[in-house]
């Protein structure tokens, strides 16, 4: 392996699935602005919208996720472009 090409700042990081509040700890180099305490230890926190614990492919459950009305926001912004003004 080549020397000195791998990051040196690997550390345990907590990843939190915001749709079901499940957390898991993994080693990562990602920059995190928040921290969380798990079992008395403080870790950097990375919030994720969807993970394998909430993704329909892995859970077998279909659920429509429309955070903050993205479809409505898109339609109000762009609407039907085929109509001429």
N, C-alpha and C. Protein backbone atom coordinates (compact mmCIF):
# COMPACT_ATOMS: atom_id res chain seq x y z
N UNK A 1 0.83 -1.18 0.00
CA UNK A 1 0.00 0.00 0.00
C UNK A 1 0.88 1.25 0.00
N UNK A 2 0.36 2.29 -0.63
CA UNK A 2 1.09 3.55 -0.65
C UNK A 2 1.07 4.19 0.73
N UNK A 3 2.14 4.82 1.08
CA UNK A 3 2.26 5.47 2.38
C UNK A 3 1.71 6.89 2.30
N UNK A 4 1.15 7.35 3.42
CA UNK A 4 0.71 8.73 3.62
C UNK A 4 -0.39 9.20 2.66
N UNK A 5 -1.26 8.30 2.17
CA UNK A 5 -2.36 8.75 1.32
C UNK A 5 -3.70 8.60 2.03
N UNK A 6 -3.72 7.93 3.18
CA UNK A 6 -4.96 7.71 3.90
C UNK A 6 -5.16 8.78 4.97
N UNK A 7 -6.40 9.20 5.20
CA UNK A 7 -6.65 10.22 6.23
C UNK A 7 -6.23 9.73 7.61
N UNK A 8 -5.77 10.66 8.43
CA UNK A 8 -5.31 10.31 9.77
C UNK A 8 -6.38 10.55 10.84
N UNK A 9 -7.49 11.20 10.48
CA UNK A 9 -8.46 11.60 11.50
C UNK A 9 -9.67 10.67 11.58
N UNK A 10 -9.48 9.37 11.41
CA UNK A 10 -10.57 8.41 11.63
C UNK A 10 -10.93 8.42 13.11
N UNK A 11 -12.22 8.48 13.39
CA UNK A 11 -12.68 8.48 14.76
C UNK A 11 -14.10 7.93 14.80
N UNK A 12 -14.57 7.48 15.94
CA UNK A 12 -15.97 7.04 16.03
C UNK A 12 -16.92 8.22 15.85
N UNK A 13 -17.95 8.02 15.05
CA UNK A 13 -18.95 9.05 14.77
C UNK A 13 -20.33 8.40 14.89
N UNK A 14 -21.30 9.14 15.46
CA UNK A 14 -22.67 8.65 15.56
C UNK A 14 -23.45 9.14 14.35
N UNK A 15 -24.11 8.22 13.65
CA UNK A 15 -25.00 8.55 12.55
C UNK A 15 -26.42 8.33 13.04
N UNK A 16 -27.29 9.34 12.88
CA UNK A 16 -28.66 9.26 13.38
C UNK A 16 -29.64 9.37 12.23
N UNK A 17 -30.52 8.38 12.12
CA UNK A 17 -31.59 8.39 11.12
C UNK A 17 -32.72 9.26 11.67
N UNK A 18 -33.01 10.37 11.02
CA UNK A 18 -33.98 11.33 11.53
C UNK A 18 -35.43 10.84 11.37
N UNK A 19 -35.68 9.86 10.50
CA UNK A 19 -37.04 9.40 10.30
C UNK A 19 -37.50 8.43 11.38
N UNK A 20 -36.56 7.71 12.02
CA UNK A 20 -36.97 6.78 13.08
C UNK A 20 -36.08 6.88 14.33
N UNK A 21 -35.22 7.88 14.40
CA UNK A 21 -34.34 8.16 15.55
C UNK A 21 -33.41 7.01 15.92
N UNK A 22 -33.12 6.12 14.98
CA UNK A 22 -32.16 5.05 15.25
C UNK A 22 -30.75 5.61 15.06
N UNK A 23 -29.83 5.19 15.91
CA UNK A 23 -28.45 5.65 15.81
C UNK A 23 -27.53 4.45 15.65
N UNK A 24 -26.38 4.70 15.00
CA UNK A 24 -25.34 3.69 14.96
C UNK A 24 -24.00 4.39 14.94
N UNK A 25 -23.01 3.73 15.49
CA UNK A 25 -21.67 4.29 15.61
C UNK A 25 -20.76 3.59 14.62
N UNK A 26 -20.02 4.40 13.87
CA UNK A 26 -19.08 3.87 12.90
C UNK A 26 -17.86 4.80 12.88
N UNK A 27 -16.78 4.31 12.36
CA UNK A 27 -15.59 5.16 12.23
C UNK A 27 -15.68 5.94 10.93
N UNK A 28 -15.34 7.23 10.99
CA UNK A 28 -15.45 8.08 9.82
C UNK A 28 -14.52 9.29 9.95
N UNK A 29 -14.32 9.97 8.84
CA UNK A 29 -13.55 11.22 8.83
C UNK A 29 -14.45 12.42 8.56
N UNK A 30 -15.76 12.22 8.52
CA UNK A 30 -16.70 13.28 8.19
C UNK A 30 -16.65 14.39 9.24
N UNK A 31 -16.79 15.64 8.77
CA UNK A 31 -16.84 16.78 9.69
C UNK A 31 -18.25 16.90 10.24
N UNK A 32 -18.38 17.06 11.54
CA UNK A 32 -19.69 17.17 12.18
C UNK A 32 -19.73 18.42 13.03
N UNK A 33 -20.87 19.13 12.97
CA UNK A 33 -21.02 20.35 13.75
C UNK A 33 -21.64 20.09 15.12
N UNK A 34 -22.36 18.99 15.26
CA UNK A 34 -23.05 18.69 16.51
C UNK A 34 -22.41 17.49 17.18
N UNK A 35 -22.70 17.34 18.48
CA UNK A 35 -22.24 16.18 19.23
C UNK A 35 -23.42 15.55 19.95
N UNK A 36 -23.22 14.31 20.35
CA UNK A 36 -24.25 13.58 21.09
C UNK A 36 -23.54 12.69 22.10
N UNK A 37 -24.20 12.47 23.25
CA UNK A 37 -23.63 11.60 24.26
C UNK A 37 -24.34 10.24 24.21
N UNK A 38 -23.57 9.19 24.05
CA UNK A 38 -24.09 7.83 24.00
C UNK A 38 -23.31 7.01 25.02
N UNK A 39 -24.00 6.44 25.99
CA UNK A 39 -23.39 5.62 27.03
C UNK A 39 -22.27 6.35 27.76
N UNK A 40 -22.46 7.64 28.00
CA UNK A 40 -21.49 8.42 28.75
C UNK A 40 -20.30 8.92 27.94
N UNK A 41 -20.28 8.66 26.65
CA UNK A 41 -19.18 9.11 25.78
C UNK A 41 -19.75 10.09 24.77
N UNK A 42 -19.04 11.21 24.54
CA UNK A 42 -19.49 12.22 23.58
C UNK A 42 -18.87 11.93 22.22
N UNK A 43 -19.75 11.88 21.20
CA UNK A 43 -19.32 11.61 19.82
C UNK A 43 -19.79 12.73 18.91
N UNK A 44 -19.11 12.93 17.77
CA UNK A 44 -19.66 13.83 16.74
C UNK A 44 -20.94 13.21 16.18
N UNK A 45 -21.92 14.05 15.81
CA UNK A 45 -23.21 13.57 15.33
C UNK A 45 -23.43 13.99 13.88
N UNK A 46 -23.81 13.02 13.05
CA UNK A 46 -24.18 13.27 11.66
C UNK A 46 -25.62 12.83 11.49
N UNK A 47 -26.49 13.76 11.08
CA UNK A 47 -27.91 13.45 10.91
C UNK A 47 -28.17 13.05 9.46
N UNK A 48 -28.90 11.95 9.28
CA UNK A 48 -29.22 11.43 7.96
C UNK A 48 -30.73 11.37 7.79
N UNK A 49 -31.23 11.67 6.61
CA UNK A 49 -32.66 11.61 6.35
C UNK A 49 -33.15 10.17 6.23
N UNK A 50 -32.34 9.31 5.64
CA UNK A 50 -32.77 7.92 5.43
C UNK A 50 -31.55 7.01 5.49
N UNK A 51 -31.73 5.85 6.12
CA UNK A 51 -30.67 4.85 6.20
C UNK A 51 -31.28 3.49 5.88
N UNK A 52 -30.50 2.45 6.01
CA UNK A 52 -31.03 1.12 5.73
C UNK A 52 -32.10 0.71 6.73
N UNK A 53 -32.14 1.35 7.90
CA UNK A 53 -33.16 1.00 8.88
C UNK A 53 -34.52 1.62 8.57
N UNK A 54 -34.55 2.59 7.64
CA UNK A 54 -35.83 3.21 7.29
C UNK A 54 -36.12 3.18 5.79
N UNK A 55 -35.20 2.72 4.99
CA UNK A 55 -35.40 2.69 3.53
C UNK A 55 -36.36 1.57 3.17
N UNK A 56 -37.36 1.85 2.30
CA UNK A 56 -38.35 0.84 1.94
C UNK A 56 -37.77 -0.44 1.33
N UNK A 57 -36.66 -0.34 0.62
CA UNK A 57 -36.06 -1.53 0.03
C UNK A 57 -35.62 -2.52 1.11
N UNK A 58 -35.06 -2.01 2.19
CA UNK A 58 -34.54 -2.87 3.25
C UNK A 58 -35.62 -3.26 4.27
N UNK A 59 -36.60 -2.39 4.48
CA UNK A 59 -37.62 -2.67 5.49
C UNK A 59 -38.81 -3.43 4.92
N UNK A 60 -39.03 -3.35 3.61
CA UNK A 60 -40.17 -4.00 3.00
C UNK A 60 -41.46 -3.21 3.16
N UNK A 61 -41.38 -2.02 3.71
CA UNK A 61 -42.55 -1.17 3.92
C UNK A 61 -42.46 0.03 2.99
N UNK A 62 -43.54 0.30 2.28
CA UNK A 62 -43.59 1.47 1.43
C UNK A 62 -44.18 2.62 2.23
N UNK A 63 -43.54 3.76 2.15
CA UNK A 63 -44.09 4.93 2.81
C UNK A 63 -43.68 6.15 2.01
N UNK A 64 -44.61 7.06 1.84
CA UNK A 64 -44.36 8.27 1.07
C UNK A 64 -43.72 9.30 1.97
N UNK A 65 -42.53 9.72 1.61
CA UNK A 65 -41.83 10.72 2.39
C UNK A 65 -41.82 12.01 1.58
N UNK A 66 -42.55 12.99 2.05
CA UNK A 66 -42.60 14.29 1.38
C UNK A 66 -42.29 15.34 2.44
N UNK A 67 -41.01 15.53 2.71
CA UNK A 67 -40.63 16.47 3.76
C UNK A 67 -40.84 17.89 3.29
N UNK A 68 -41.56 18.63 4.07
CA UNK A 68 -41.81 20.06 3.86
C UNK A 68 -42.51 20.34 2.54
N UNK A 69 -43.33 19.40 2.05
CA UNK A 69 -44.12 19.65 0.85
C UNK A 69 -43.29 19.94 -0.39
N UNK A 70 -42.28 19.15 -0.64
CA UNK A 70 -41.38 19.40 -1.77
C UNK A 70 -42.12 19.36 -3.10
N UNK A 71 -43.09 18.45 -3.24
CA UNK A 71 -43.83 18.35 -4.50
C UNK A 71 -44.66 19.61 -4.70
N UNK A 72 -45.35 20.05 -3.66
CA UNK A 72 -46.15 21.27 -3.75
C UNK A 72 -45.27 22.49 -4.03
N UNK A 73 -44.13 22.54 -3.41
CA UNK A 73 -43.20 23.65 -3.62
C UNK A 73 -42.73 23.68 -5.08
N UNK A 74 -42.42 22.50 -5.62
CA UNK A 74 -41.98 22.41 -7.01
C UNK A 74 -43.09 22.86 -7.95
N UNK A 75 -44.30 22.36 -7.72
CA UNK A 75 -45.42 22.71 -8.60
C UNK A 75 -45.75 24.19 -8.53
N UNK A 76 -45.67 24.79 -7.35
CA UNK A 76 -45.95 26.23 -7.26
C UNK A 76 -44.86 27.05 -7.91
N UNK A 77 -43.65 26.56 -7.88
CA UNK A 77 -42.55 27.31 -8.46
C UNK A 77 -42.52 27.17 -9.99
N UNK A 78 -42.69 25.95 -10.47
CA UNK A 78 -42.54 25.70 -11.90
C UNK A 78 -43.87 25.43 -12.60
N UNK A 79 -44.81 24.85 -11.88
CA UNK A 79 -46.15 24.61 -12.42
C UNK A 79 -46.13 23.86 -13.73
N UNK A 80 -47.07 24.21 -14.59
CA UNK A 80 -47.18 23.57 -15.89
C UNK A 80 -46.49 24.46 -16.91
N UNK A 81 -45.31 24.11 -17.33
CA UNK A 81 -44.51 24.92 -18.26
C UNK A 81 -45.03 24.86 -19.69
N UNK A 82 -45.93 23.92 -19.99
CA UNK A 82 -46.44 23.82 -21.36
C UNK A 82 -47.43 24.92 -21.69
N UNK A 83 -48.03 25.53 -20.68
CA UNK A 83 -48.95 26.64 -20.91
C UNK A 83 -48.17 27.89 -21.28
N UNK A 84 -48.62 28.59 -22.29
CA UNK A 84 -47.97 29.83 -22.69
C UNK A 84 -48.65 30.99 -22.00
N UNK A 85 -47.90 31.97 -21.65
CA UNK A 85 -48.45 33.16 -20.96
C UNK A 85 -49.08 34.12 -21.94
